[in-house]
Amino acid sequence: MDRESADAVSRMPRSLRELGIGFRLDAQSGVPLYRQIVQTVERSLSAGRLKAGDKLPTIRALAIALKINPNTIAKAYTELELRGLVKTQVGSGTYISDIRLEEDAESERTRRWIEGLCLELLKEAQAVGIGKDELISVLKELRVS
């Protein structure tokens, strides 16, 4: 973990650190920051790190931790609420909703998560001179033990 990532984790609201949720935002990826936040919450739900009733940090706390505009966090939370993944209780906070996720939606989130991982891997490989075809070849040869 580089120093900037370590600093971001130390600024992360305690509730997120305890849940094991880390927001890794990449301003250079071309994916809007609010969308990256939404995807992080979706992946955390799919992986079981977030469960119904878990409280998300306040907009202000997360904006400070991530060093981004609070409006960006608000937009992400609004989208999560529109999708039915969170519920906001005025004066109390934003919580993961207890609505069961449909299998199709869950598999779509998982697919997007895997695509994101693959895109990161491809970028890293290309940065060291490994092309897409060579990377695919290496992946095909891998065996999980």
C-alpha atoms as a PDB file:
ATOM      1  CA  MET A   1       0.000   0.000   0.000  1.00  0.00           C
ATOM      2  CA  ASP A   2       1.498   3.355  -0.994  1.00  0.00           C
ATOM      3  CA  ARG A   3       1.681   6.277   1.407  1.00  0.00           C
ATOM      4  CA  GLU A   4      -1.309   8.108  -0.090  1.00  0.00           C
ATOM      5  CA  SER A   5      -3.499   4.985   0.213  1.00  0.00           C
ATOM      6  CA  ALA A   6      -2.332   4.451   3.784  1.00  0.00           C
ATOM      7  CA  ASP A   7      -3.172   8.068   4.623  1.00  0.00           C
ATOM      8  CA  ALA A   8      -6.634   7.664   3.074  1.00  0.00           C
ATOM      9  CA  VAL A   9      -7.253   4.552   5.170  1.00  0.00           C
ATOM     10  CA  SER A  10      -6.179   6.346   8.351  1.00  0.00           C
ATOM     11  CA  ARG A  11      -8.626   9.192   7.562  1.00  0.00           C
ATOM     12  CA  MET A  12     -11.430   6.727   6.788  1.00  0.00           C
ATOM     13  CA  PRO A  13     -14.301   6.897   9.261  1.00  0.00           C
ATOM     14  CA  ARG A  14     -13.870   4.201  11.900  1.00  0.00           C
ATOM     15  CA  SER A  15     -17.128   2.496  10.891  1.00  0.00           C
ATOM     16  CA  LEU A  16     -15.777   1.785   7.405  1.00  0.00           C
ATOM     17  CA  ARG A  17     -12.391   0.601   8.656  1.00  0.00           C
ATOM     18  CA  GLU A  18     -14.158  -1.819  11.004  1.00  0.00           C
ATOM     19  CA  LEU A  19     -16.257  -3.150   8.110  1.00  0.00           C
ATOM     20  CA  GLY A  20     -13.154  -3.576   5.967  1.00  0.00           C
ATOM     21  CA  ILE A  21     -14.378  -1.247   3.229  1.00  0.00           C
ATOM     22  CA  GLY A  22     -11.741   0.782   1.465  1.00  0.00           C
ATOM     23  CA  PHE A  23     -12.547   3.405  -1.108  1.00  0.00           C
ATOM     24  CA  ARG A  24      -9.866   3.490  -3.796  1.00  0.00           C
ATOM     25  CA  LEU A  25     -10.754   6.360  -6.049  1.00  0.00           C
ATOM     26  CA  ASP A  26      -8.833   6.875  -9.275  1.00  0.00           C
ATOM     27  CA  ALA A  27      -9.304  10.336 -10.730  1.00  0.00           C
ATOM     28  CA  GLN A  28      -7.425   9.240 -13.861  1.00  0.00           C
ATOM     29  CA  SER A  29      -9.650   6.241 -14.687  1.00  0.00           C
ATOM     30  CA  GLY A  30     -12.301   8.187 -16.582  1.00  0.00           C
ATOM     31  CA  VAL A  31     -14.982   6.774 -14.260  1.00  0.00           C
ATOM     32  CA  PRO A  32     -16.707   9.569 -12.295  1.00  0.00           C
ATOM     33  CA  LEU A  33     -15.795   9.565  -8.607  1.00  0.00           C
ATOM     34  CA  TYR A  34     -19.430   9.236  -7.500  1.00  0.00           C
ATOM     35  CA  ARG A  35     -19.749   6.134  -9.697  1.00  0.00           C
ATOM     36  CA  GLN A  36     -16.593   4.652  -8.129  1.00  0.00           C
ATOM     37  CA  ILE A  37     -18.147   5.164  -4.686  1.00  0.00           C
ATOM     38  CA  VAL A  38     -21.373   3.463  -5.813  1.00  0.00           C
ATOM     39  CA  GLN A  39     -19.355   0.555  -7.248  1.00  0.00           C
ATOM     40  CA  THR A  40     -17.365   0.194  -4.026  1.00  0.00           C
ATOM     41  CA  VAL A  41     -20.563  -0.084  -1.994  1.00  0.00           C
ATOM     42  CA  GLU A  42     -22.015  -2.564  -4.519  1.00  0.00           C
ATOM     43  CA  ARG A  43     -18.875  -4.723  -4.398  1.00  0.00           C
ATOM     44  CA  SER A  44     -18.899  -4.623  -0.613  1.00  0.00           C
ATOM     45  CA  LEU A  45     -22.521  -5.789  -0.627  1.00  0.00           C
ATOM     46  CA  SER A  46     -21.755  -8.584  -3.087  1.00  0.00           C
ATOM     47  CA  ALA A  47     -18.747  -9.695  -1.040  1.00  0.00           C
ATOM     48  CA  GLY A  48     -20.757  -9.659   2.191  1.00  0.00           C
ATOM     49  CA  ARG A  49     -18.661  -6.936   3.839  1.00  0.00           C
ATOM     50  CA  LEU A  50     -21.774  -4.759   4.072  1.00  0.00           C
ATOM     51  CA  LYS A  51     -25.031  -6.115   5.432  1.00  0.00           C
ATOM     52  CA  ALA A  52     -28.526  -4.770   6.020  1.00  0.00           C
ATOM     53  CA  GLY A  53     -28.526  -2.189   8.781  1.00  0.00           C
ATOM     54  CA  ASP A  54     -24.850  -1.221   8.460  1.00  0.00           C
ATOM     55  CA  LYS A  55     -24.423   2.533   8.765  1.00  0.00           C
ATOM     56  CA  LEU A  56     -22.466   4.404   6.110  1.00  0.00           C
ATOM     57  CA  PRO A  57     -20.375   7.385   7.159  1.00  0.00           C
ATOM     58  CA  THR A  58     -21.854  10.843   6.953  1.00  0.00           C
ATOM     59  CA  ILE A  59     -21.400  12.734   3.714  1.00  0.00           C
ATOM     60  CA  ARG A  60     -19.090  15.189   5.447  1.00  0.00           C
ATOM     61  CA  ALA A  61     -16.941  12.519   7.123  1.00  0.00           C
ATOM     62  CA  LEU A  62     -16.454  10.566   3.904  1.00  0.00           C
ATOM     63  CA  ALA A  63     -15.738  13.735   1.900  1.00  0.00           C
ATOM     64  CA  ILE A  64     -13.039  14.711   4.392  1.00  0.00           C
ATOM     65  CA  ALA A  65     -11.542  11.212   4.401  1.00  0.00           C
ATOM     66  CA  LEU A  66     -11.452  10.989   0.595  1.00  0.00           C
ATOM     67  CA  LYS A  67     -10.544  14.662   0.114  1.00  0.00           C
ATOM     68  CA  ILE A  68     -13.350  15.244  -2.369  1.00  0.00           C
ATOM     69  CA  ASN A  69     -16.325  17.572  -2.634  1.00  0.00           C
ATOM     70  CA  PRO A  70     -19.255  16.598  -0.354  1.00  0.00           C
ATOM     71  CA  ASN A  71     -21.593  16.989  -3.358  1.00  0.00           C
ATOM     72  CA  THR A  72     -19.841  14.006  -4.951  1.00  0.00           C
ATOM     73  CA  ILE A  73     -20.632  11.843  -1.910  1.00  0.00           C
ATOM     74  CA  ALA A  74     -24.208  13.158  -1.852  1.00  0.00           C
ATOM     75  CA  LYS A  75     -24.649  12.213  -5.520  1.00  0.00           C
ATOM     76  CA  ALA A  76     -23.343   8.690  -4.841  1.00  0.00           C
ATOM     77  CA  TYR A  77     -25.627   8.266  -1.824  1.00  0.00           C
ATOM     78  CA  THR A  78     -28.599   9.530  -3.865  1.00  0.00           C
ATOM     79  CA  GLU A  79     -27.901   6.977  -6.587  1.00  0.00           C
ATOM     80  CA  LEU A  80     -27.548   4.201  -4.013  1.00  0.00           C
ATOM     81  CA  GLU A  81     -30.881   5.253  -2.509  1.00  0.00           C
ATOM     82  CA  LEU A  82     -32.576   5.315  -5.927  1.00  0.00           C
ATOM     83  CA  ARG A  83     -31.322   1.765  -6.498  1.00  0.00           C
ATOM     84  CA  GLY A  84     -32.816   0.712  -3.183  1.00  0.00           C
ATOM     85  CA  LEU A  85     -29.458  -0.233  -1.680  1.00  0.00           C
ATOM     86  CA  VAL A  86     -29.516   2.337   1.122  1.00  0.00           C
ATOM     87  CA  LYS A  87     -32.086   4.209   3.175  1.00  0.00           C
ATOM     88  CA  THR A  88     -31.471   7.670   4.588  1.00  0.00           C
ATOM     89  CA  GLN A  89     -33.077   8.504   7.900  1.00  0.00           C
ATOM     90  CA  VAL A  90     -33.052  12.254   8.513  1.00  0.00           C
ATOM     91  CA  GLY A  91     -31.039  13.039  11.628  1.00  0.00           C
ATOM     92  CA  SER A  92     -29.858   9.463  11.994  1.00  0.00           C
ATOM     93  CA  GLY A  93     -27.792   8.618   8.924  1.00  0.00           C
ATOM     94  CA  THR A  94     -27.605   6.442   5.840  1.00  0.00           C
ATOM     95  CA  TYR A  95     -27.999   2.700   6.274  1.00  0.00           C
ATOM     96  CA  ILE A  96     -27.756  -0.335   4.025  1.00  0.00           C
ATOM     97  CA  SER A  97     -31.342  -1.335   3.274  1.00  0.00           C
ATOM     98  CA  ASP A  98     -32.731  -4.754   4.041  1.00  0.00           C
ATOM     99  CA  ILE A  99     -34.111  -5.303   0.552  1.00  0.00           C
ATOM    100  CA  ARG A 100     -32.883  -8.582  -0.853  1.00  0.00           C
ATOM    101  CA  LEU A 101     -30.846  -8.103  -3.993  1.00  0.00           C
ATOM    102  CA  GLU A 102     -32.104  -9.838  -7.082  1.00  0.00           C
ATOM    103  CA  GLU A 103     -29.774 -12.493  -8.469  1.00  0.00           C
ATOM    104  CA  ASP A 104     -29.504 -10.718 -11.824  1.00  0.00           C
ATOM    105  CA  ALA A 105     -28.544  -7.433 -10.212  1.00  0.00           C
ATOM    106  CA  GLU A 106     -26.035  -9.168  -7.969  1.00  0.00           C
ATOM    107  CA  SER A 107     -24.430 -11.021 -10.869  1.00  0.00           C
ATOM    108  CA  GLU A 108     -24.292  -7.763 -12.860  1.00  0.00           C
ATOM    109  CA  ARG A 109     -22.513  -6.052  -9.968  1.00  0.00           C
ATOM    110  CA  THR A 110     -20.117  -8.969  -9.696  1.00  0.00           C
ATOM    111  CA  ARG A 111     -19.442  -8.800 -13.436  1.00  0.00           C
ATOM    112  CA  ARG A 112     -18.751  -5.045 -13.245  1.00  0.00           C
ATOM    113  CA  TRP A 113     -16.446  -5.639 -10.280  1.00  0.00           C
ATOM    114  CA  ILE A 114     -14.515  -8.297 -12.211  1.00  0.00           C
ATOM    115  CA  GLU A 115     -14.363  -6.034 -15.275  1.00  0.00           C
ATOM    116  CA  GLY A 116     -12.921  -3.288 -13.073  1.00  0.00           C
ATOM    117  CA  LEU A 117     -10.279  -5.634 -11.685  1.00  0.00           C
ATOM    118  CA  CYS A 118      -9.390  -6.800 -15.189  1.00  0.00           C
ATOM    119  CA  LEU A 119      -9.147  -3.232 -16.449  1.00  0.00           C
ATOM    120  CA  GLU A 120      -6.782  -2.349 -13.597  1.00  0.00           C
ATOM    121  CA  LEU A 121      -4.696  -5.448 -14.360  1.00  0.00           C
ATOM    122  CA  LEU A 122      -4.585  -4.599 -18.062  1.00  0.00           C
ATOM    123  CA  LYS A 123      -3.477  -1.024 -17.325  1.00  0.00           C
ATOM    124  CA  GLU A 124      -0.722  -2.281 -15.041  1.00  0.00           C
ATOM    125  CA  ALA A 125       0.387  -4.874 -17.598  1.00  0.00           C
ATOM    126  CA  GLN A 126       0.474  -2.331 -20.407  1.00  0.00           C
ATOM    127  CA  ALA A 127       2.489   0.018 -18.209  1.00  0.00           C
ATOM    128  CA  VAL A 128       5.263  -2.610 -18.082  1.00  0.00           C
ATOM    129  CA  GLY A 129       5.005  -3.510 -21.761  1.00  0.00           C
ATOM    130  CA  ILE A 130       2.723  -6.541 -21.625  1.00  0.00           C
ATOM    131  CA  GLY A 131      -0.042  -6.490 -24.220  1.00  0.00           C
ATOM    132  CA  LYS A 132      -3.615  -7.707 -23.866  1.00  0.00           C
ATOM    133  CA  ASP A 133      -3.048 -10.938 -25.836  1.00  0.00           C
ATOM    134  CA  GLU A 134       0.035 -11.852 -23.801  1.00  0.00           C
ATOM    135  CA  LEU A 135      -1.845 -11.129 -20.568  1.00  0.00           C
ATOM    136  CA  ILE A 136      -4.742 -13.348 -21.677  1.00  0.00           C
ATOM    137  CA  SER A 137      -2.261 -16.107 -22.474  1.00  0.00           C
ATOM    138  CA  VAL A 138      -0.724 -15.848 -19.007  1.00  0.00           C
ATOM    139  CA  LEU A 139      -4.180 -15.921 -17.383  1.00  0.00           C
ATOM    140  CA  LYS A 140      -5.150 -19.038 -19.331  1.00  0.00           C
ATOM    141  CA  GLU A 141      -2.057 -20.836 -18.040  1.00  0.00           C
ATOM    142  CA  LEU A 142      -2.761 -20.020 -14.404  1.00  0.00           C
ATOM    143  CA  ARG A 143      -4.050 -22.769 -12.171  1.00  0.00           C
ATOM    144  CA  VAL A 144      -5.784 -22.179  -8.871  1.00  0.00           C
ATOM    145  CA  SER A 145      -4.566 -24.578  -6.234  1.00  0.00           C
END
